[in-house]
Amino acid sequence: MCQPAWAAARTEAVRLRALKDLRRIRDRIGRECARPLDVPALARSAGLTAETLHRTFTRAYGATPHAYVTALRAGRGISFGEASGNAGT
């Protein structure tokens, strides 16, 4: 018979693994933010469906993958402009 503590530990391990995979996906989006976002390809690389990736990413980070990459691009665009002395132009 399975001990309740074992089941809880297994559930926690699965949750932590999912968060680790999402962190990898988030990091990949950050590295490749200048390229078009391909959610199905990201999902395949993590062994998920596009719908599952969308749902779990949104739950974990509070934004859809597309909203996340849009905010990232906007933030980096501002910082690149400020770094080159072209802020606001």
PDB file of N, CA and C in Angstrom:
ATOM      1  N   MET A   1       0.841  -1.176   0.000  1.00  0.00           N
ATOM      2  CA  MET A   1       0.000   0.000   0.000  1.00  0.00           C
ATOM      3  C   MET A   1       0.890   1.243   0.000  1.00  0.00           C
ATOM      4  N   CYS A   2       0.483   2.229  -0.734  1.00  0.00           N
ATOM      5  CA  CYS A   2       1.244   3.474  -0.865  1.00  0.00           C
ATOM      6  C   CYS A   2       1.014   4.369   0.354  1.00  0.00           C
ATOM      7  N   GLN A   3       2.094   4.823   0.919  1.00  0.00           N
ATOM      8  CA  GLN A   3       1.994   5.740   2.054  1.00  0.00           C
ATOM      9  C   GLN A   3       1.587   7.129   1.563  1.00  0.00           C
ATOM     10  N   PRO A   4       0.722   7.852   2.303  1.00  0.00           N
ATOM     11  CA  PRO A   4       0.305   9.190   1.878  1.00  0.00           C
ATOM     12  C   PRO A   4       1.493  10.136   1.669  1.00  0.00           C
ATOM     13  N   ALA A   5       2.518  10.014   2.473  1.00  0.00           N
ATOM     14  CA  ALA A   5       3.687  10.882   2.323  1.00  0.00           C
ATOM     15  C   ALA A   5       4.401  10.617   1.003  1.00  0.00           C
ATOM     16  N   TRP A   6       4.400   9.372   0.555  1.00  0.00           N
ATOM     17  CA  TRP A   6       5.036   9.048  -0.723  1.00  0.00           C
ATOM     18  C   TRP A   6       4.279   9.696  -1.874  1.00  0.00           C
ATOM     19  N   ALA A   7       2.968   9.630  -1.791  1.00  0.00           N
ATOM     20  CA  ALA A   7       2.156  10.236  -2.848  1.00  0.00           C
ATOM     21  C   ALA A   7       2.372  11.743  -2.896  1.00  0.00           C
ATOM     22  N   ALA A   8       2.441  12.371  -1.741  1.00  0.00           N
ATOM     23  CA  ALA A   8       2.677  13.818  -1.694  1.00  0.00           C
ATOM     24  C   ALA A   8       4.061  14.159  -2.233  1.00  0.00           C
ATOM     25  N   ALA A   9       5.048  13.354  -1.896  1.00  0.00           N
ATOM     26  CA  ALA A   9       6.404  13.596  -2.386  1.00  0.00           C
ATOM     27  C   ALA A   9       6.463  13.408  -3.901  1.00  0.00           C
ATOM     28  N   ARG A  10       5.789  12.411  -4.410  1.00  0.00           N
ATOM     29  CA  ARG A  10       5.757  12.175  -5.861  1.00  0.00           C
ATOM     30  C   ARG A  10       5.076  13.335  -6.572  1.00  0.00           C
ATOM     31  N   THR A  11       3.967  13.807  -6.035  1.00  0.00           N
ATOM     32  CA  THR A  11       3.250  14.934  -6.624  1.00  0.00           C
ATOM     33  C   THR A  11       4.133  16.176  -6.643  1.00  0.00           C
ATOM     34  N   GLU A  12       4.842  16.418  -5.560  1.00  0.00           N
ATOM     35  CA  GLU A  12       5.747  17.576  -5.478  1.00  0.00           C
ATOM     36  C   GLU A  12       6.888  17.435  -6.478  1.00  0.00           C
ATOM     37  N   ALA A  13       7.414  16.240  -6.643  1.00  0.00           N
ATOM     38  CA  ALA A  13       8.495  16.016  -7.597  1.00  0.00           C
ATOM     39  C   ALA A  13       8.029  16.290  -9.025  1.00  0.00           C
ATOM     40  N   VAL A  14       6.823  15.863  -9.346  1.00  0.00           N
ATOM     41  CA  VAL A  14       6.266  16.102 -10.680  1.00  0.00           C
ATOM     42  C   VAL A  14       6.062  17.596 -10.899  1.00  0.00           C
ATOM     43  N   ARG A  15       5.571  18.302  -9.880  1.00  0.00           N
ATOM     44  CA  ARG A  15       5.348  19.746  -9.981  1.00  0.00           C
ATOM     45  C   ARG A  15       6.665  20.478 -10.190  1.00  0.00           C
ATOM     46  N   LEU A  16       7.692  20.101  -9.452  1.00  0.00           N
ATOM     47  CA  LEU A  16       8.998  20.750  -9.586  1.00  0.00           C
ATOM     48  C   LEU A  16       9.608  20.468 -10.958  1.00  0.00           C
ATOM     49  N   ARG A  17       9.417  19.269 -11.476  1.00  0.00           N
ATOM     50  CA  ARG A  17       9.910  18.939 -12.814  1.00  0.00           C
ATOM     51  C   ARG A  17       9.227  19.801 -13.867  1.00  0.00           C
ATOM     52  N   ALA A  18       7.916  19.981 -13.718  1.00  0.00           N
ATOM     53  CA  ALA A  18       7.180  20.818 -14.666  1.00  0.00           C
ATOM     54  C   ALA A  18       7.673  22.260 -14.613  1.00  0.00           C
ATOM     55  N   LEU A  19       7.929  22.778 -13.422  1.00  0.00           N
ATOM     56  CA  LEU A  19       8.442  24.143 -13.298  1.00  0.00           C
ATOM     57  C   LEU A  19       9.836  24.271 -13.907  1.00  0.00           C
ATOM     58  N   LYS A  20      10.645  23.241 -13.754  1.00  0.00           N
ATOM     59  CA  LYS A  20      11.987  23.237 -14.339  1.00  0.00           C
ATOM     60  C   LYS A  20      11.887  23.286 -15.866  1.00  0.00           C
ATOM     61  N   ASP A  21      10.979  22.502 -16.432  1.00  0.00           N
ATOM     62  CA  ASP A  21      10.777  22.519 -17.882  1.00  0.00           C
ATOM     63  C   ASP A  21      10.270  23.879 -18.354  1.00  0.00           C
ATOM     64  N   LEU A  22       9.359  24.477 -17.595  1.00  0.00           N
ATOM     65  CA  LEU A  22       8.846  25.800 -17.953  1.00  0.00           C
ATOM     66  C   LEU A  22       9.943  26.858 -17.881  1.00  0.00           C
ATOM     67  N   ARG A  23      10.819  26.734 -16.913  1.00  0.00           N
ATOM     68  CA  ARG A  23      11.926  27.686 -16.795  1.00  0.00           C
ATOM     69  C   ARG A  23      12.841  27.583 -18.010  1.00  0.00           C
ATOM     70  N   ARG A  24      13.083  26.364 -18.471  1.00  0.00           N
ATOM     71  CA  ARG A  24      13.890  26.172 -19.685  1.00  0.00           C
ATOM     72  C   ARG A  24      13.223  26.825 -20.895  1.00  0.00           C
ATOM     73  N   ILE A  25      11.920  26.661 -20.991  1.00  0.00           N
ATOM     74  CA  ILE A  25      11.180  27.256 -22.101  1.00  0.00           C
ATOM     75  C   ILE A  25      11.234  28.779 -22.002  1.00  0.00           C
ATOM     76  N   ARG A  26      11.034  29.311 -20.810  1.00  0.00           N
ATOM     77  CA  ARG A  26      11.107  30.759 -20.614  1.00  0.00           C
ATOM     78  C   ARG A  26      12.490  31.284 -20.992  1.00  0.00           C
ATOM     79  N   ASP A  27      13.531  30.575 -20.593  1.00  0.00           N
ATOM     80  CA  ASP A  27      14.894  30.981 -20.940  1.00  0.00           C
ATOM     81  C   ASP A  27      15.126  30.925 -22.450  1.00  0.00           C
ATOM     82  N   ARG A  28      14.585  29.902 -23.095  1.00  0.00           N
ATOM     83  CA  ARG A  28      14.722  29.800 -24.552  1.00  0.00           C
ATOM     84  C   ARG A  28      14.002  30.943 -25.246  1.00  0.00           C
ATOM     85  N   ILE A  29      12.823  31.305 -24.761  1.00  0.00           N
ATOM     86  CA  ILE A  29      12.104  32.447 -25.326  1.00  0.00           C
ATOM     87  C   ILE A  29      12.957  33.705 -25.186  1.00  0.00           C
ATOM     88  N   GLY A  30      13.599  33.856 -24.033  1.00  0.00           N
ATOM     89  CA  GLY A  30      14.449  35.018 -23.807  1.00  0.00           C
ATOM     90  C   GLY A  30      15.651  35.051 -24.745  1.00  0.00           C
ATOM     91  N   ARG A  31      16.261  33.904 -24.974  1.00  0.00           N
ATOM     92  CA  ARG A  31      17.417  33.844 -25.875  1.00  0.00           C
ATOM     93  C   ARG A  31      17.028  34.105 -27.323  1.00  0.00           C
ATOM     94  N   GLU A  32      15.834  33.662 -27.695  1.00  0.00           N
ATOM     95  CA  GLU A  32      15.404  33.737 -29.093  1.00  0.00           C
ATOM     96  C   GLU A  32      14.300  34.764 -29.303  1.00  0.00           C
ATOM     97  N   CYS A  33      14.267  35.806 -28.469  1.00  0.00           N
ATOM     98  CA  CYS A  33      13.131  36.733 -28.534  1.00  0.00           C
ATOM     99  C   CYS A  33      13.099  37.543 -29.825  1.00  0.00           C
ATOM    100  N   ALA A  34      14.207  37.656 -30.543  1.00  0.00           N
ATOM    101  CA  ALA A  34      14.209  38.386 -31.807  1.00  0.00           C
ATOM    102  C   ALA A  34      13.586  37.559 -32.933  1.00  0.00           C
ATOM    103  N   ARG A  35      13.458  36.267 -32.716  1.00  0.00           N
ATOM    104  CA  ARG A  35      12.876  35.382 -33.722  1.00  0.00           C
ATOM    105  C   ARG A  35      11.380  35.242 -33.473  1.00  0.00           C
ATOM    106  N   PRO A  36      10.613  34.858 -34.501  1.00  0.00           N
ATOM    107  CA  PRO A  36       9.172  34.630 -34.297  1.00  0.00           C
ATOM    108  C   PRO A  36       8.949  33.514 -33.270  1.00  0.00           C
ATOM    109  N   LEU A  37       7.945  33.701 -32.432  1.00  0.00           N
ATOM    110  CA  LEU A  37       7.635  32.711 -31.396  1.00  0.00           C
ATOM    111  C   LEU A  37       6.864  31.551 -32.015  1.00  0.00           C
ATOM    112  N   ASP A  38       7.355  30.341 -31.805  1.00  0.00           N
ATOM    113  CA  ASP A  38       6.719  29.132 -32.326  1.00  0.00           C
ATOM    114  C   ASP A  38       6.329  28.259 -31.132  1.00  0.00           C
ATOM    115  N   VAL A  39       5.123  28.492 -30.620  1.00  0.00           N
ATOM    116  CA  VAL A  39       4.667  27.771 -29.426  1.00  0.00           C
ATOM    117  C   VAL A  39       4.606  26.262 -29.664  1.00  0.00           C
ATOM    118  N   PRO A  40       4.089  25.786 -30.800  1.00  0.00           N
ATOM    119  CA  PRO A  40       4.083  24.332 -31.007  1.00  0.00           C
ATOM    120  C   PRO A  40       5.486  23.710 -30.968  1.00  0.00           C
ATOM    121  N   ALA A  41       6.481  24.401 -31.519  1.00  0.00           N
ATOM    122  CA  ALA A  41       7.851  23.860 -31.487  1.00  0.00           C
ATOM    123  C   ALA A  41       8.392  23.865 -30.058  1.00  0.00           C
ATOM    124  N   LEU A  42       8.107  24.916 -29.297  1.00  0.00           N
ATOM    125  CA  LEU A  42       8.518  24.951 -27.896  1.00  0.00           C
ATOM    126  C   LEU A  42       7.871  23.807 -27.125  1.00  0.00           C
ATOM    127  N   ALA A  43       6.591  23.597 -27.388  1.00  0.00           N
ATOM    128  CA  ALA A  43       5.858  22.533 -26.696  1.00  0.00           C
ATOM    129  C   ALA A  43       6.442  21.164 -27.045  1.00  0.00           C
ATOM    130  N   ARG A  44       6.733  20.948 -28.318  1.00  0.00           N
ATOM    131  CA  ARG A  44       7.315  19.654 -28.724  1.00  0.00           C
ATOM    132  C   ARG A  44       8.651  19.421 -28.035  1.00  0.00           C
ATOM    133  N   SER A  45       9.464  20.470 -27.905  1.00  0.00           N
ATOM    134  CA  SER A  45      10.772  20.302 -27.271  1.00  0.00           C
ATOM    135  C   SER A  45      10.646  19.924 -25.801  1.00  0.00           C
ATOM    136  N   ALA A  46       9.522  20.278 -25.185  1.00  0.00           N
ATOM    137  CA  ALA A  46       9.286  19.937 -23.783  1.00  0.00           C
ATOM    138  C   ALA A  46       8.426  18.692 -23.626  1.00  0.00           C
ATOM    139  N   GLY A  47       7.983  18.118 -24.739  1.00  0.00           N
ATOM    140  CA  GLY A  47       7.137  16.927 -24.670  1.00  0.00           C
ATOM    141  C   GLY A  47       5.715  17.232 -24.259  1.00  0.00           C
ATOM    142  N   LEU A  48       5.236  18.435 -24.596  1.00  0.00           N
ATOM    143  CA  LEU A  48       3.885  18.861 -24.244  1.00  0.00           C
ATOM    144  C   LEU A  48       3.107  19.202 -25.503  1.00  0.00           C
ATOM    145  N   THR A  49       1.799  19.312 -25.365  1.00  0.00           N
ATOM    146  CA  THR A  49       0.999  19.862 -26.447  1.00  0.00           C
ATOM    147  C   THR A  49       1.056  21.380 -26.332  1.00  0.00           C
ATOM    148  N   ALA A  50       0.733  22.061 -27.413  1.00  0.00           N
ATOM    149  CA  ALA A  50       0.730  23.530 -27.396  1.00  0.00           C
ATOM    150  C   ALA A  50      -0.276  24.055 -26.368  1.00  0.00           C
ATOM    151  N   GLU A  51      -1.416  23.389 -26.251  1.00  0.00           N
ATOM    152  CA  GLU A  51      -2.441  23.825 -25.303  1.00  0.00           C
ATOM    153  C   GLU A  51      -1.959  23.682 -23.857  1.00  0.00           C
ATOM    154  N   THR A  52      -1.304  22.563 -23.574  1.00  0.00           N
ATOM    155  CA  THR A  52      -0.793  22.339 -22.224  1.00  0.00           C
ATOM    156  C   THR A  52       0.293  23.348 -21.888  1.00  0.00           C
ATOM    157  N   LEU A  53       1.188  23.607 -22.843  1.00  0.00           N
ATOM    158  CA  LEU A  53       2.230  24.613 -22.612  1.00  0.00           C
ATOM    159  C   LEU A  53       1.611  25.974 -22.338  1.00  0.00           C
ATOM    160  N   HIS A  54       0.650  26.359 -23.156  1.00  0.00           N
ATOM    161  CA  HIS A  54      -0.006  27.657 -22.989  1.00  0.00           C
ATOM    162  C   HIS A  54      -0.641  27.767 -21.603  1.00  0.00           C
ATOM    163  N   ARG A  55      -1.365  26.748 -21.208  1.00  0.00           N
ATOM    164  CA  ARG A  55      -2.064  26.758 -19.924  1.00  0.00           C
ATOM    165  C   ARG A  55      -1.085  26.780 -18.745  1.00  0.00           C
ATOM    166  N   THR A  56      -0.077  25.931 -18.771  1.00  0.00           N
ATOM    167  CA  THR A  56       0.847  25.863 -17.638  1.00  0.00           C
ATOM    168  C   THR A  56       1.764  27.085 -17.583  1.00  0.00           C
ATOM    169  N   PHE A  57       2.180  27.600 -18.731  1.00  0.00           N
ATOM    170  CA  PHE A  57       3.019  28.806 -18.763  1.00  0.00           C
ATOM    171  C   PHE A  57       2.230  29.987 -18.192  1.00  0.00           C
ATOM    172  N   THR A  58       0.989  30.125 -18.608  1.00  0.00           N
ATOM    173  CA  THR A  58       0.149  31.221 -18.119  1.00  0.00           C
ATOM    174  C   THR A  58      -0.073  31.105 -16.619  1.00  0.00           C
ATOM    175  N   ARG A  59      -0.303  29.902 -16.138  1.00  0.00           N
ATOM    176  CA  ARG A  59      -0.512  29.692 -14.710  1.00  0.00           C
ATOM    177  C   ARG A  59       0.761  30.002 -13.915  1.00  0.00           C
ATOM    178  N   ALA A  60       1.909  29.626 -14.439  1.00  0.00           N
ATOM    179  CA  ALA A  60       3.176  29.810 -13.717  1.00  0.00           C
ATOM    180  C   ALA A  60       3.675  31.250 -13.752  1.00  0.00           C
ATOM    181  N   TYR A  61       3.541  31.927 -14.896  1.00  0.00           N
ATOM    182  CA  TYR A  61       4.147  33.244 -15.063  1.00  0.00           C
ATOM    183  C   TYR A  61       3.150  34.394 -15.166  1.00  0.00           C
ATOM    184  N   GLY A  62       1.862  34.090 -15.172  1.00  0.00           N
ATOM    185  CA  GLY A  62       0.856  35.148 -15.181  1.00  0.00           C
ATOM    186  C   GLY A  62       0.675  35.826 -16.522  1.00  0.00           C
ATOM    187  N   ALA A  63       1.255  35.278 -17.574  1.00  0.00           N
ATOM    188  CA  ALA A  63       1.106  35.825 -18.922  1.00  0.00           C
ATOM    189  C   ALA A  63       1.227  34.677 -19.915  1.00  0.00           C
ATOM    190  N   THR A  64       0.556  34.828 -21.042  1.00  0.00           N
ATOM    191  CA  THR A  64       0.681  33.816 -22.081  1.00  0.00           C
ATOM    192  C   THR A  64       2.093  33.898 -22.674  1.00  0.00           C
ATOM    193  N   PRO A  65       2.530  32.852 -23.358  1.00  0.00           N
ATOM    194  CA  PRO A  65       3.854  32.935 -23.985  1.00  0.00           C
ATOM    195  C   PRO A  65       3.992  34.132 -24.927  1.00  0.00           C
ATOM    196  N   HIS A  66       2.940  34.429 -25.681  1.00  0.00           N
ATOM    197  CA  HIS A  66       3.001  35.566 -26.603  1.00  0.00           C
ATOM    198  C   HIS A  66       3.070  36.892 -25.850  1.00  0.00           C
ATOM    199  N   ALA A  67       2.301  37.035 -24.791  1.00  0.00           N
ATOM    200  CA  ALA A  67       2.357  38.264 -23.999  1.00  0.00           C
ATOM    201  C   ALA A  67       3.723  38.398 -23.336  1.00  0.00           C
ATOM    202  N   TYR A  68       4.284  37.291 -22.888  1.00  0.00           N
ATOM    203  CA  TYR A  68       5.606  37.318 -22.249  1.00  0.00           C
ATOM    204  C   TYR A  68       6.674  37.786 -23.231  1.00  0.00           C
ATOM    205  N   VAL A  69       6.692  37.216 -24.439  1.00  0.00           N
ATOM    206  CA  VAL A  69       7.714  37.596 -25.414  1.00  0.00           C
ATOM    207  C   VAL A  69       7.504  39.029 -25.900  1.00  0.00           C
ATOM    208  N   THR A  70       6.267  39.483 -25.988  1.00  0.00           N
ATOM    209  CA  THR A  70       6.005  40.866 -26.382  1.00  0.00           C
ATOM    210  C   THR A  70       6.546  41.833 -25.337  1.00  0.00           C
ATOM    211  N   ALA A  71       6.295  41.545 -24.062  1.00  0.00           N
ATOM    212  CA  ALA A  71       6.819  42.394 -22.991  1.00  0.00           C
ATOM    213  C   ALA A  71       8.346  42.354 -22.962  1.00  0.00           C
ATOM    214  N   LEU A  72       8.902  41.198 -23.205  1.00  0.00           N
ATOM    215  CA  LEU A  72      10.357  41.046 -23.226  1.00  0.00           C
ATOM    216  C   LEU A  72      10.964  41.863 -24.359  1.00  0.00           C
ATOM    217  N   ARG A  73      10.358  41.780 -25.524  1.00  0.00           N
ATOM    218  CA  ARG A  73      10.849  42.549 -26.674  1.00  0.00           C
ATOM    219  C   ARG A  73      10.740  44.044 -26.414  1.00  0.00           C
ATOM    220  N   ALA A  74       9.639  44.471 -25.828  1.00  0.00           N
ATOM    221  CA  ALA A  74       9.462  45.898 -25.528  1.00  0.00           C
ATOM    222  C   ALA A  74      10.506  46.362 -24.521  1.00  0.00           C
ATOM    223  N   GLY A  75      10.731  45.565 -23.487  1.00  0.00           N
ATOM    224  CA  GLY A  75      11.722  45.930 -22.478  1.00  0.00           C
ATOM    225  C   GLY A  75      13.129  45.975 -23.045  1.00  0.00           C
ATOM    226  N   ARG A  76      13.462  45.029 -23.881  1.00  0.00           N
ATOM    227  CA  ARG A  76      14.796  45.021 -24.472  1.00  0.00           C
ATOM    228  C   ARG A  76      14.950  46.126 -25.499  1.00  0.00           C
ATOM    229  N   GLY A  77      13.880  46.460 -26.186  1.00  0.00           N
ATOM    230  CA  GLY A  77      13.944  47.561 -27.147  1.00  0.00           C
ATOM    231  C   GLY A  77      14.233  48.874 -26.448  1.00  0.00           C
ATOM    232  N   ILE A  78      13.619  49.064 -25.303  1.00  0.00           N
ATOM    233  CA  ILE A  78      13.862  50.282 -24.533  1.00  0.00           C
ATOM    234  C   ILE A  78      15.296  50.294 -24.028  1.00  0.00           C
ATOM    235  N   SER A  79      15.766  49.177 -23.496  1.00  0.00           N
ATOM    236  CA  SER A  79      17.121  49.161 -22.951  1.00  0.00           C
ATOM    237  C   SER A  79      18.164  49.307 -24.057  1.00  0.00           C
ATOM    238  N   PHE A  80      17.904  48.745 -25.257  1.00  0.00           N
ATOM    239  CA  PHE A  80      18.851  48.908 -26.357  1.00  0.00           C
ATOM    240  C   PHE A  80      18.900  50.371 -26.777  1.00  0.00           C
ATOM    241  N   GLY A  81      17.745  51.023 -26.846  1.00  0.00           N
ATOM    242  CA  GLY A  81      17.691  52.425 -27.216  1.00  0.00           C
ATOM    243  C   GLY A  81      18.407  53.304 -26.219  1.00  0.00           C
ATOM    244  N   GLU A  82      18.223  53.014 -24.947  1.00  0.00           N
ATOM    245  CA  GLU A  82      18.887  53.805 -23.912  1.00  0.00           C
ATOM    246  C   GLU A  82      20.393  53.579 -23.957  1.00  0.00           C
ATOM    247  N   ALA A  83      20.815  52.360 -24.219  1.00  0.00           N
ATOM    248  CA  ALA A  83      22.239  52.052 -24.247  1.00  0.00           C
ATOM    249  C   ALA A  83      22.931  52.713 -25.436  1.00  0.00           C
ATOM    250  N   SER A  84      22.221  52.875 -26.545  1.00  0.00           N
ATOM    251  CA  SER A  84      22.852  53.465 -27.718  1.00  0.00           C
ATOM    252  C   SER A  84      22.704  54.977 -27.764  1.00  0.00           C
ATOM    253  N   GLY A  85      22.015  55.552 -26.785  1.00  0.00           N
ATOM    254  CA  GLY A  85      21.851  57.001 -26.748  1.00  0.00           C
ATOM    255  C   GLY A  85      20.699  57.496 -27.592  1.00  0.00           C
ATOM    256  N   ASN A  86      19.842  56.595 -28.057  1.00  0.00           N
ATOM    257  CA  ASN A  86      18.715  56.972 -28.894  1.00  0.00           C
ATOM    258  C   ASN A  86      17.401  56.819 -28.145  1.00  0.00           C
ATOM    259  N   ALA A  87      17.396  57.075 -26.860  1.00  0.00           N
ATOM    260  CA  ALA A  87      16.188  56.896 -26.062  1.00  0.00           C
ATOM    261  C   ALA A  87      15.091  57.831 -26.572  1.00  0.00           C
ATOM    262  N   GLY A  88      13.949  57.249 -26.826  1.00  0.00           N
ATOM    263  CA  GLY A  88      12.790  58.036 -27.226  1.00  0.00           C
ATOM    264  C   GLY A  88      12.768  58.389 -28.713  1.00  0.00           C
ATOM    265  N   THR A  89      13.747  57.975 -29.463  1.00  0.00           N
ATOM    266  CA  THR A  89      13.713  58.288 -30.905  1.00  0.00           C
ATOM    267  C   THR A  89      13.727  57.038 -31.730  1.00  0.00           C
TER     268      THR A  89
END
